[in-house]
Amino acid sequence: LLDLYKKSNSSIYNINKGYINLINISKIKLINKAINLTEKFESFLDIGASNHEFSELLINKGFSKGHAVEIIPTSSLKNFSKETSNFFLFEGLIQDFDETHFFDFVLMSEVFEHIPINDIGLVIKKLESLTKKNSIVFISTPDPIFCGPATRSDIYFEKSQYGHYKHYLKDEIVKYFKNFDLVIYEKIEGKLEVKFNDKLISFRRRTKNLPFSLKKLLNKILFPIQLMIIKWGKSKNNNRTQVLVFKRK
């Protein structure tokens, strides 16, 4: 999956266009482990598909077909849906997704924090109805220990429509799933190391007015440094995003 990401035209990975997104690279490695737990590569569901980046990778990975759920689809996501015969887009909330199909793999990348507490049960019940035995559900969400509460976020739901409602602790999320047939799969559970990435983003913002050739050179110099950070950065207090993988009983 990571090789597909590197070969893609994504501006997030292309070193000629911008910095390398450590969060996505680390996340893709964990997604790859998770999808290898699935029994079949027939279908996936990408909840909160954003710009279709992960959906495209999953299609290219070999899934027969994919669906995406997005409240406010980007033009990029809409175009990808129109141009890809085995990919289908639903515009709205996952609670209103009326598909009766069972999915082998469900991706919720940076979505759980947008769910109001009173709606969590409805969302998990929907996930249960859309999965079958041994289906995998992958969840990544901000770690409140590193990020702080959602109230401090620039996209807190009271400031931004459909913004972050709460940054949930891992144990909170597991507890919400307790009464459903989706259980935490401990072997894949992990966190993403991203502190250096935040500093890099800040640096890049300060250099955005530099000539393109100079930015390209800086990105090429930073690229191997970032890869080393991914490989060796293991600080327990260096996690902005936490990952949980659930398996359907």
C-alpha atoms as a PDB file:
ATOM      1  CA  LEU A   1       0.000   0.000   0.000  1.00  0.00           C
ATOM      2  CA  LEU A   2       2.856   2.377   0.816  1.00  0.00           C
ATOM      3  CA  ASP A   3       4.444   1.711  -2.576  1.00  0.00           C
ATOM      4  CA  LEU A   4       1.163   2.656  -4.248  1.00  0.00           C
ATOM      5  CA  TYR A   5       1.095   5.836  -2.191  1.00  0.00           C
ATOM      6  CA  LYS A   6       4.635   6.732  -3.266  1.00  0.00           C
ATOM      7  CA  LYS A   7       3.788   6.136  -6.925  1.00  0.00           C
ATOM      8  CA  SER A   8       0.591   8.189  -6.769  1.00  0.00           C
ATOM      9  CA  ASN A   9       0.351  11.770  -7.933  1.00  0.00           C
ATOM     10  CA  SER A  10      -0.527  12.936  -4.439  1.00  0.00           C
ATOM     11  CA  SER A  11       0.889  16.364  -3.646  1.00  0.00           C
ATOM     12  CA  ILE A  12       1.112  15.157  -0.039  1.00  0.00           C
ATOM     13  CA  TYR A  13       3.792  12.645  -0.968  1.00  0.00           C
ATOM     14  CA  ASN A  14       5.432  14.230  -4.029  1.00  0.00           C
ATOM     15  CA  ILE A  15       8.662  15.838  -2.802  1.00  0.00           C
ATOM     16  CA  ASN A  16       8.647  18.194  -5.784  1.00  0.00           C
ATOM     17  CA  LYS A  17       5.361  19.689  -4.609  1.00  0.00           C
ATOM     18  CA  GLY A  18       5.590  19.719  -0.824  1.00  0.00           C
ATOM     19  CA  TYR A  19       6.594  18.093   2.440  1.00  0.00           C
ATOM     20  CA  ILE A  20       6.117  14.411   3.164  1.00  0.00           C
ATOM     21  CA  ASN A  21       3.090  13.766   5.357  1.00  0.00           C
ATOM     22  CA  LEU A  22       4.429  11.607   8.192  1.00  0.00           C
ATOM     23  CA  ILE A  23       0.939  11.022   9.544  1.00  0.00           C
ATOM     24  CA  ASN A  24      -0.258   9.464   6.286  1.00  0.00           C
ATOM     25  CA  ILE A  25       2.878   7.369   5.769  1.00  0.00           C
ATOM     26  CA  SER A  26       2.651   5.932   9.288  1.00  0.00           C
ATOM     27  CA  LYS A  27      -1.101   5.484   8.953  1.00  0.00           C
ATOM     28  CA  ILE A  28      -0.789   3.666   5.635  1.00  0.00           C
ATOM     29  CA  LYS A  29       1.589   1.166   7.206  1.00  0.00           C
ATOM     30  CA  LEU A  30      -0.996   0.407   9.894  1.00  0.00           C
ATOM     31  CA  ILE A  31      -3.862   0.324   7.362  1.00  0.00           C
ATOM     32  CA  ASN A  32      -1.876  -2.183   5.330  1.00  0.00           C
ATOM     33  CA  LYS A  33      -1.502  -4.435   8.374  1.00  0.00           C
ATOM     34  CA  ALA A  34      -5.209  -4.110   9.087  1.00  0.00           C
ATOM     35  CA  ILE A  35      -6.440  -4.930   5.585  1.00  0.00           C
ATOM     36  CA  ASN A  36      -4.235  -8.007   5.549  1.00  0.00           C
ATOM     37  CA  LEU A  37      -6.461  -9.331   8.344  1.00  0.00           C
ATOM     38  CA  THR A  38      -9.467  -9.346   6.037  1.00  0.00           C
ATOM     39  CA  GLU A  39     -10.475 -12.674   4.532  1.00  0.00           C
ATOM     40  CA  LYS A  40     -11.459 -11.164   1.184  1.00  0.00           C
ATOM     41  CA  PHE A  41     -10.670  -8.043  -0.829  1.00  0.00           C
ATOM     42  CA  GLU A  42     -14.192  -7.678  -2.172  1.00  0.00           C
ATOM     43  CA  SER A  43     -15.392  -4.348  -0.815  1.00  0.00           C
ATOM     44  CA  PHE A  44     -14.422  -1.457   1.441  1.00  0.00           C
ATOM     45  CA  LEU A  45     -16.176   1.540   2.975  1.00  0.00           C
ATOM     46  CA  ASP A  46     -14.306   4.824   3.473  1.00  0.00           C
ATOM     47  CA  ILE A  47     -16.192   6.962   6.003  1.00  0.00           C
ATOM     48  CA  GLY A  48     -15.120  10.591   5.804  1.00  0.00           C
ATOM     49  CA  ALA A  49     -13.294  10.033   2.510  1.00  0.00           C
ATOM     50  CA  SER A  50     -12.142  13.650   2.189  1.00  0.00           C
ATOM     51  CA  ASN A  51     -10.168  13.972  -1.064  1.00  0.00           C
ATOM     52  CA  HIS A  52     -10.393  10.209  -1.868  1.00  0.00           C
ATOM     53  CA  GLU A  53      -6.681   9.640  -1.225  1.00  0.00           C
ATOM     54  CA  PHE A  54      -7.125   6.462   0.823  1.00  0.00           C
ATOM     55  CA  SER A  55     -10.058   5.245  -1.280  1.00  0.00           C
ATOM     56  CA  GLU A  56      -7.932   5.410  -4.402  1.00  0.00           C
ATOM     57  CA  LEU A  57      -5.177   3.423  -2.706  1.00  0.00           C
ATOM     58  CA  LEU A  58      -7.633   0.732  -1.595  1.00  0.00           C
ATOM     59  CA  ILE A  59      -9.057   0.434  -5.105  1.00  0.00           C
ATOM     60  CA  ASN A  60      -5.533   0.099  -6.487  1.00  0.00           C
ATOM     61  CA  LYS A  61      -4.682  -2.405  -3.757  1.00  0.00           C
ATOM     62  CA  GLY A  62      -7.156  -4.800  -5.319  1.00  0.00           C
ATOM     63  CA  PHE A  63     -10.554  -4.370  -3.679  1.00  0.00           C
ATOM     64  CA  SER A  64     -13.278  -5.225  -6.186  1.00  0.00           C
ATOM     65  CA  LYS A  65     -15.302  -2.165  -5.266  1.00  0.00           C
ATOM     66  CA  GLY A  66     -15.480   0.634  -2.756  1.00  0.00           C
ATOM     67  CA  HIS A  67     -17.983   3.017  -1.240  1.00  0.00           C
ATOM     68  CA  ALA A  68     -17.369   6.382   0.399  1.00  0.00           C
ATOM     69  CA  VAL A  69     -19.465   8.387   2.828  1.00  0.00           C
ATOM     70  CA  GLU A  70     -18.774  12.108   3.081  1.00  0.00           C
ATOM     71  CA  ILE A  71     -20.932  14.910   4.477  1.00  0.00           C
ATOM     72  CA  ILE A  72     -19.475  17.604   2.221  1.00  0.00           C
ATOM     73  CA  PRO A  73     -17.658  15.900  -0.672  1.00  0.00           C
ATOM     74  CA  THR A  74     -14.792  17.750  -2.329  1.00  0.00           C
ATOM     75  CA  SER A  75     -14.833  18.228  -6.090  1.00  0.00           C
ATOM     76  CA  SER A  76     -11.886  15.829  -6.223  1.00  0.00           C
ATOM     77  CA  LEU A  77     -13.894  13.095  -4.482  1.00  0.00           C
ATOM     78  CA  LYS A  78     -16.912  13.672  -6.742  1.00  0.00           C
ATOM     79  CA  ASN A  79     -14.770  13.482  -9.859  1.00  0.00           C
ATOM     80  CA  PHE A  80     -13.064  10.310  -8.665  1.00  0.00           C
ATOM     81  CA  SER A  81     -16.469   8.723  -8.084  1.00  0.00           C
ATOM     82  CA  LYS A  82     -17.632   9.685 -11.595  1.00  0.00           C
ATOM     83  CA  GLU A  83     -14.444   8.439 -13.225  1.00  0.00           C
ATOM     84  CA  THR A  84     -14.153   5.153 -11.279  1.00  0.00           C
ATOM     85  CA  SER A  85     -16.747   2.544 -12.224  1.00  0.00           C
ATOM     86  CA  ASN A  86     -16.288   0.431  -9.089  1.00  0.00           C
ATOM     87  CA  PHE A  87     -16.368   3.304  -6.605  1.00  0.00           C
ATOM     88  CA  PHE A  88     -19.573   4.845  -5.261  1.00  0.00           C
ATOM     89  CA  LEU A  89     -20.144   8.024  -3.237  1.00  0.00           C
ATOM     90  CA  PHE A  90     -22.861   8.705  -0.689  1.00  0.00           C
ATOM     91  CA  GLU A  91     -23.256  12.324   0.412  1.00  0.00           C
ATOM     92  CA  GLY A  92     -24.463  12.528   3.997  1.00  0.00           C
ATOM     93  CA  LEU A  93     -24.019  11.047   7.478  1.00  0.00           C
ATOM     94  CA  ILE A  94     -23.046   7.421   8.016  1.00  0.00           C
ATOM     95  CA  GLN A  95     -26.221   7.008  10.108  1.00  0.00           C
ATOM     96  CA  ASP A  96     -28.234   7.728   6.928  1.00  0.00           C
ATOM     97  CA  PHE A  97     -26.198   5.454   4.655  1.00  0.00           C
ATOM     98  CA  ASP A  98     -28.806   3.024   3.331  1.00  0.00           C
ATOM     99  CA  GLU A  99     -26.529   0.410   1.775  1.00  0.00           C
ATOM    100  CA  THR A 100     -27.409  -3.204   2.610  1.00  0.00           C
ATOM    101  CA  HIS A 101     -24.049  -4.533   1.438  1.00  0.00           C
ATOM    102  CA  PHE A 102     -21.546  -6.064   3.889  1.00  0.00           C
ATOM    103  CA  PHE A 103     -18.040  -4.603   3.759  1.00  0.00           C
ATOM    104  CA  ASP A 104     -14.794  -6.490   4.352  1.00  0.00           C
ATOM    105  CA  PHE A 105     -12.919  -3.380   5.437  1.00  0.00           C
ATOM    106  CA  VAL A 106     -14.178  -0.097   6.936  1.00  0.00           C
ATOM    107  CA  LEU A 107     -11.907   2.943   7.202  1.00  0.00           C
ATOM    108  CA  MET A 108     -12.648   5.820   9.595  1.00  0.00           C
ATOM    109  CA  SER A 109      -9.665   8.127   9.290  1.00  0.00           C
ATOM    110  CA  GLU A 110     -10.018  11.187  11.546  1.00  0.00           C
ATOM    111  CA  VAL A 111     -13.797  10.799  11.836  1.00  0.00           C
ATOM    112  CA  PHE A 112     -14.602   9.568  15.343  1.00  0.00           C
ATOM    113  CA  GLU A 113     -13.792  12.945  16.907  1.00  0.00           C
ATOM    114  CA  HIS A 114     -16.604  14.503  14.830  1.00  0.00           C
ATOM    115  CA  ILE A 115     -19.271  12.244  16.346  1.00  0.00           C
ATOM    116  CA  PRO A 116     -21.449  13.725  19.144  1.00  0.00           C
ATOM    117  CA  ILE A 117     -21.574  11.532  22.236  1.00  0.00           C
ATOM    118  CA  ASN A 118     -25.315  10.890  21.807  1.00  0.00           C
ATOM    119  CA  ASP A 119     -24.753   9.607  18.256  1.00  0.00           C
ATOM    120  CA  ILE A 120     -21.895   7.190  18.948  1.00  0.00           C
ATOM    121  CA  GLY A 121     -24.201   4.251  19.646  1.00  0.00           C
ATOM    122  CA  LEU A 122     -26.070   4.855  16.378  1.00  0.00           C
ATOM    123  CA  VAL A 123     -22.816   5.022  14.434  1.00  0.00           C
ATOM    124  CA  ILE A 124     -21.441   1.803  15.927  1.00  0.00           C
ATOM    125  CA  LYS A 125     -24.774   0.058  15.346  1.00  0.00           C
ATOM    126  CA  LYS A 126     -24.558   1.127  11.708  1.00  0.00           C
ATOM    127  CA  LEU A 127     -20.985  -0.200  11.505  1.00  0.00           C
ATOM    128  CA  GLU A 128     -22.233  -3.485  12.938  1.00  0.00           C
ATOM    129  CA  SER A 129     -24.983  -3.698  10.309  1.00  0.00           C
ATOM    130  CA  LEU A 130     -22.505  -3.016   7.488  1.00  0.00           C
ATOM    131  CA  THR A 131     -19.955  -5.650   8.511  1.00  0.00           C
ATOM    132  CA  LYS A 132     -19.868  -9.438   8.650  1.00  0.00           C
ATOM    133  CA  LYS A 133     -17.827 -11.978  10.598  1.00  0.00           C
ATOM    134  CA  ASN A 134     -14.099 -11.091  10.498  1.00  0.00           C
ATOM    135  CA  SER A 135     -14.655  -7.705   8.854  1.00  0.00           C
ATOM    136  CA  ILE A 136     -12.112  -5.108   9.964  1.00  0.00           C
ATOM    137  CA  VAL A 137     -12.834  -1.551  11.147  1.00  0.00           C
ATOM    138  CA  PHE A 138      -9.860   0.829  11.234  1.00  0.00           C
ATOM    139  CA  ILE A 139     -10.185   4.003  13.339  1.00  0.00           C
ATOM    140  CA  SER A 140      -7.668   6.821  13.651  1.00  0.00           C
ATOM    141  CA  THR A 141      -8.477   9.819  15.803  1.00  0.00           C
ATOM    142  CA  PRO A 142      -6.630  12.607  17.678  1.00  0.00           C
ATOM    143  CA  ASP A 143      -4.959  11.642  20.933  1.00  0.00           C
ATOM    144  CA  PRO A 144      -6.324  14.069  23.569  1.00  0.00           C
ATOM    145  CA  ILE A 145      -3.203  13.620  25.711  1.00  0.00           C
ATOM    146  CA  PHE A 146      -1.105  15.177  22.955  1.00  0.00           C
ATOM    147  CA  CYS A 147      -3.689  17.390  21.211  1.00  0.00           C
ATOM    148  CA  GLY A 148      -5.668  18.534  24.212  1.00  0.00           C
ATOM    149  CA  PRO A 149      -9.477  18.676  24.293  1.00  0.00           C
ATOM    150  CA  ALA A 150     -11.532  19.409  21.189  1.00  0.00           C
ATOM    151  CA  THR A 151     -12.579  22.737  22.687  1.00  0.00           C
ATOM    152  CA  ARG A 152      -9.059  24.013  21.947  1.00  0.00           C
ATOM    153  CA  SER A 153      -9.229  22.968  18.303  1.00  0.00           C
ATOM    154  CA  ASP A 154      -9.635  25.538  15.542  1.00  0.00           C
ATOM    155  CA  ILE A 155     -12.314  23.279  14.104  1.00  0.00           C
ATOM    156  CA  TYR A 156     -14.284  22.719  17.310  1.00  0.00           C
ATOM    157  CA  PHE A 157     -17.904  22.056  16.304  1.00  0.00           C
ATOM    158  CA  GLU A 158     -19.097  25.335  17.877  1.00  0.00           C
ATOM    159  CA  LYS A 159     -16.641  27.223  15.633  1.00  0.00           C
ATOM    160  CA  SER A 160     -16.839  25.111  12.484  1.00  0.00           C
ATOM    161  CA  GLN A 161     -19.732  23.142  10.996  1.00  0.00           C
ATOM    162  CA  TYR A 162     -19.242  19.395  11.480  1.00  0.00           C
ATOM    163  CA  GLY A 163     -16.043  20.118  13.408  1.00  0.00           C
ATOM    164  CA  HIS A 164     -14.498  18.147  16.269  1.00  0.00           C
ATOM    165  CA  TYR A 165     -17.015  17.306  18.978  1.00  0.00           C
ATOM    166  CA  LYS A 166     -14.661  15.565  21.381  1.00  0.00           C
ATOM    167  CA  HIS A 167     -11.162  14.070  21.399  1.00  0.00           C
ATOM    168  CA  TYR A 168     -11.914  10.646  22.837  1.00  0.00           C
ATOM    169  CA  LEU A 169      -9.475   8.580  24.870  1.00  0.00           C
ATOM    170  CA  LYS A 170      -8.672   5.113  23.543  1.00  0.00           C
ATOM    171  CA  ASP A 171     -10.332   3.428  26.534  1.00  0.00           C
ATOM    172  CA  GLU A 172     -13.461   5.533  25.998  1.00  0.00           C
ATOM    173  CA  ILE A 173     -13.736   4.362  22.402  1.00  0.00           C
ATOM    174  CA  VAL A 174     -13.237   0.710  23.358  1.00  0.00           C
ATOM    175  CA  LYS A 175     -15.921   1.072  26.040  1.00  0.00           C
ATOM    176  CA  TYR A 176     -18.417   2.440  23.490  1.00  0.00           C
ATOM    177  CA  PHE A 177     -17.917  -0.706  21.394  1.00  0.00           C
ATOM    178  CA  LYS A 178     -18.344  -3.008  24.392  1.00  0.00           C
ATOM    179  CA  ASN A 179     -22.005  -3.917  23.740  1.00  0.00           C
ATOM    180  CA  PHE A 180     -21.522  -4.570  20.033  1.00  0.00           C
ATOM    181  CA  ASP A 181     -20.045  -7.403  17.974  1.00  0.00           C
ATOM    182  CA  LEU A 182     -16.935  -5.399  17.089  1.00  0.00           C
ATOM    183  CA  VAL A 183     -13.992  -6.125  19.387  1.00  0.00           C
ATOM    184  CA  ILE A 184     -10.604  -4.457  19.688  1.00  0.00           C
ATOM    185  CA  TYR A 185      -7.843  -6.340  17.884  1.00  0.00           C
ATOM    186  CA  GLU A 186      -4.858  -5.758  20.163  1.00  0.00           C
ATOM    187  CA  LYS A 187      -2.156  -6.927  17.758  1.00  0.00           C
ATOM    188  CA  ILE A 188      -2.655  -3.987  15.404  1.00  0.00           C
ATOM    189  CA  GLU A 189      -3.452  -1.278  17.926  1.00  0.00           C
ATOM    190  CA  GLY A 190      -0.926   1.528  17.625  1.00  0.00           C
ATOM    191  CA  LYS A 191      -0.162   5.245  17.609  1.00  0.00           C
ATOM    192  CA  LEU A 192       1.375   7.544  15.030  1.00  0.00           C
ATOM    193  CA  GLU A 193       4.583   9.427  15.785  1.00  0.00           C
ATOM    194  CA  VAL A 194       4.160  12.942  14.392  1.00  0.00           C
ATOM    195  CA  LYS A 195       5.714  15.674  16.564  1.00  0.00           C
ATOM    196  CA  PHE A 196       8.470  16.372  14.036  1.00  0.00           C
ATOM    197  CA  ASN A 197       5.860  16.628  11.298  1.00  0.00           C
ATOM    198  CA  ASP A 198       4.126  19.468  13.153  1.00  0.00           C
ATOM    199  CA  LYS A 199       7.414  21.370  13.341  1.00  0.00           C
ATOM    200  CA  LEU A 200       8.000  20.745   9.653  1.00  0.00           C
ATOM    201  CA  ILE A 201       4.570  22.099   8.728  1.00  0.00           C
ATOM    202  CA  SER A 202       5.305  25.242  10.749  1.00  0.00           C
ATOM    203  CA  PHE A 203       8.666  25.623   8.987  1.00  0.00           C
ATOM    204  CA  ARG A 204       7.102  25.094   5.577  1.00  0.00           C
ATOM    205  CA  ARG A 205       4.523  27.805   6.181  1.00  0.00           C
ATOM    206  CA  ARG A 206       7.339  30.254   6.822  1.00  0.00           C
ATOM    207  CA  THR A 207       9.046  29.306   3.543  1.00  0.00           C
ATOM    208  CA  LYS A 208       5.990  29.250   1.279  1.00  0.00           C
ATOM    209  CA  ASN A 209       7.064  32.437  -0.521  1.00  0.00           C
ATOM    210  CA  LEU A 210      10.480  31.086  -1.446  1.00  0.00           C
ATOM    211  CA  PRO A 211      11.216  30.293  -5.116  1.00  0.00           C
ATOM    212  CA  PHE A 212       9.925  26.895  -6.198  1.00  0.00           C
ATOM    213  CA  SER A 213      13.414  25.573  -6.996  1.00  0.00           C
ATOM    214  CA  LEU A 214      14.596  26.384  -3.466  1.00  0.00           C
ATOM    215  CA  LYS A 215      11.537  24.792  -1.858  1.00  0.00           C
ATOM    216  CA  LYS A 216      12.109  21.698  -4.002  1.00  0.00           C
ATOM    217  CA  LEU A 217      15.710  21.499  -2.779  1.00  0.00           C
ATOM    218  CA  LEU A 218      14.665  21.882   0.864  1.00  0.00           C
ATOM    219  CA  ASN A 219      12.070  19.151   0.479  1.00  0.00           C
ATOM    220  CA  LYS A 220      14.638  16.753  -0.982  1.00  0.00           C
ATOM    221  CA  ILE A 221      16.987  17.452   1.932  1.00  0.00           C
ATOM    222  CA  LEU A 222      14.208  16.958   4.495  1.00  0.00           C
ATOM    223  CA  PHE A 223      12.896  13.747   2.899  1.00  0.00           C
ATOM    224  CA  PRO A 224      15.555  11.309   4.272  1.00  0.00           C
ATOM    225  CA  ILE A 225      15.412  13.063   7.652  1.00  0.00           C
ATOM    226  CA  GLN A 226      11.672  12.454   7.822  1.00  0.00           C
ATOM    227  CA  LEU A 227      12.099   8.792   6.948  1.00  0.00           C
ATOM    228  CA  MET A 228      14.592   8.412   9.795  1.00  0.00           C
ATOM    229  CA  ILE A 229      12.126  10.094  12.161  1.00  0.00           C
ATOM    230  CA  ILE A 230       9.465   7.577  11.134  1.00  0.00           C
ATOM    231  CA  LYS A 231      11.852   4.671  11.725  1.00  0.00           C
ATOM    232  CA  TRP A 232      13.438   5.760  14.986  1.00  0.00           C
ATOM    233  CA  GLY A 233      11.063   8.243  16.630  1.00  0.00           C
ATOM    234  CA  LYS A 234       9.546   6.290  19.513  1.00  0.00           C
ATOM    235  CA  SER A 235       8.788   8.845  22.227  1.00  0.00           C
ATOM    236  CA  LYS A 236       5.605   7.949  24.096  1.00  0.00           C
ATOM    237  CA  ASN A 237       4.734  11.645  24.361  1.00  0.00           C
ATOM    238  CA  ASN A 238       5.093  12.170  20.635  1.00  0.00           C
ATOM    239  CA  ASN A 239       1.729  10.862  19.414  1.00  0.00           C
ATOM    240  CA  ARG A 240      -0.861  13.135  17.891  1.00  0.00           C
ATOM    241  CA  THR A 241      -3.016  10.407  16.391  1.00  0.00           C
ATOM    242  CA  GLN A 242      -4.112   7.149  17.992  1.00  0.00           C
ATOM    243  CA  VAL A 243      -5.161   4.096  16.006  1.00  0.00           C
ATOM    244  CA  LEU A 244      -7.568   1.314  16.973  1.00  0.00           C
ATOM    245  CA  VAL A 245      -8.511  -1.712  14.888  1.00  0.00           C
ATOM    246  CA  PHE A 246     -11.717  -3.644  15.548  1.00  0.00           C
ATOM    247  CA  LYS A 247     -12.696  -7.044  14.219  1.00  0.00           C
ATOM    248  CA  ARG A 248     -16.260  -8.236  13.768  1.00  0.00           C
ATOM    249  CA  LYS A 249     -17.173 -11.324  15.791  1.00  0.00           C
END
